[in-house]
């Protein structure tokens, strides 16, 4: 398991719980036939929150895991692993 400072882990978990709450709200809005534009606004908020959370997770990974990998001579493997994540996002 990767090292994450406790405060960073708590922030990430908190943000994910917020996103889950927003998603539950969007599902309820759909079930109640809410106005499409209102649903889209909520979905954009979820996407934005998840993106910021992903960026926080990436920053932590770079500071901790990648830094350790570089120090131990495994920079290429670590970079390849990160690049694979971004390649999947662009497919």
Protein backbone atom coordinates (compact mmCIF):
# COMPACT_ATOMS: atom_id res chain seq x y z
CA UNK A 1 0.00 0.00 0.00
CA UNK A 2 1.27 3.45 -0.89
CA UNK A 3 2.17 5.91 1.81
CA UNK A 4 -0.20 8.82 2.25
CA UNK A 5 0.10 11.29 5.09
CA UNK A 6 -2.92 10.90 7.34
CA UNK A 7 -4.18 14.41 6.66
CA UNK A 8 -3.95 13.88 2.89
CA UNK A 9 -5.72 10.53 3.12
CA UNK A 10 -8.47 12.11 5.20
CA UNK A 11 -8.86 14.97 2.71
CA UNK A 12 -9.13 12.56 -0.21
CA UNK A 13 -11.63 10.36 1.61
CA UNK A 14 -13.68 13.40 2.64
CA UNK A 15 -13.78 14.71 -0.94
CA UNK A 16 -14.86 11.30 -2.25
CA UNK A 17 -17.67 11.15 0.29
CA UNK A 18 -18.84 14.59 -0.82
CA UNK A 19 -18.83 13.42 -4.44
CA UNK A 20 -20.81 10.33 -3.45
CA UNK A 21 -23.37 12.55 -1.72
CA UNK A 22 -23.67 14.70 -4.83
CA UNK A 23 -24.06 11.60 -6.99
CA UNK A 24 -26.85 10.33 -4.73
CA UNK A 25 -28.53 13.73 -5.15
CA UNK A 26 -28.26 13.51 -8.94
CA UNK A 27 -29.76 10.02 -8.94
CA UNK A 28 -32.64 11.28 -6.83
CA UNK A 29 -33.09 14.25 -9.15
CA UNK A 30 -33.33 11.88 -12.12
CA UNK A 31 -35.84 9.68 -10.32
CA UNK A 32 -37.93 12.76 -9.56
CA UNK A 33 -37.78 14.05 -13.16
CA UNK A 34 -35.75 17.15 -12.33
CA UNK A 35 -35.00 19.69 -15.02
CA UNK A 36 -32.16 18.39 -17.21
CA UNK A 37 -30.07 21.57 -16.92
CA UNK A 38 -30.19 21.34 -13.12
CA UNK A 39 -29.02 17.73 -13.32
CA UNK A 40 -26.22 18.70 -15.69
CA UNK A 41 -25.03 21.42 -13.29
CA UNK A 42 -24.85 18.87 -10.48
CA UNK A 43 -22.99 16.41 -12.70
CA UNK A 44 -20.45 19.10 -13.60
CA UNK A 45 -19.92 19.77 -9.90
CA UNK A 46 -19.27 16.06 -9.33
CA UNK A 47 -16.83 15.87 -12.24
CA UNK A 48 -14.99 18.95 -11.03
CA UNK A 49 -14.75 17.61 -7.50
CA UNK A 50 -13.48 14.25 -8.68
CA UNK A 51 -10.90 15.93 -10.90
CA UNK A 52 -9.60 18.03 -7.98
CA UNK A 53 -9.51 14.92 -5.79
CA UNK A 54 -7.61 13.01 -8.47
CA UNK A 55 -5.13 15.86 -8.72
CA UNK A 56 -4.58 15.75 -4.95
CA UNK A 57 -4.02 12.00 -5.12
CA UNK A 58 -1.59 12.42 -8.02
CA UNK A 59 0.31 15.15 -6.19
CA UNK A 60 0.67 12.92 -3.15
CA UNK A 61 1.79 10.01 -5.32
CA UNK A 62 4.44 12.15 -6.99
CA UNK A 63 5.72 13.52 -3.69
CA UNK A 64 5.85 10.17 -1.91
CA UNK A 65 5.84 7.12 -4.14
CA UNK A 66 7.56 8.52 -7.21
CA UNK A 67 10.14 10.33 -5.14
CA UNK A 68 10.96 7.07 -3.35
CA UNK A 69 11.09 5.18 -6.66
CA UNK A 70 13.54 7.70 -8.12
CA UNK A 71 15.78 7.42 -5.04
CA UNK A 72 15.79 3.63 -5.35
CA UNK A 73 16.64 3.68 -9.06
CA UNK A 74 13.17 2.79 -10.32
CA UNK A 75 12.31 6.09 -11.99
CA UNK A 76 11.51 4.59 -15.40
CA UNK A 77 9.05 2.07 -13.97
CA UNK A 78 7.35 4.71 -11.88
CA UNK A 79 7.02 7.12 -14.80
CA UNK A 80 5.68 4.35 -17.04
CA UNK A 81 3.08 3.50 -14.42
CA UNK A 82 1.85 7.11 -14.24
CA UNK A 83 1.84 7.46 -18.02
CA UNK A 84 -0.29 4.32 -18.31
CA UNK A 85 -2.96 5.98 -16.17
CA UNK A 86 -3.02 9.04 -18.42
CA UNK A 87 -3.04 6.93 -21.59
CA UNK A 88 -6.14 5.09 -20.32
CA UNK A 89 -7.86 8.43 -19.72
CA UNK A 90 -7.23 9.50 -23.32
CA UNK A 91 -8.52 6.34 -25.00
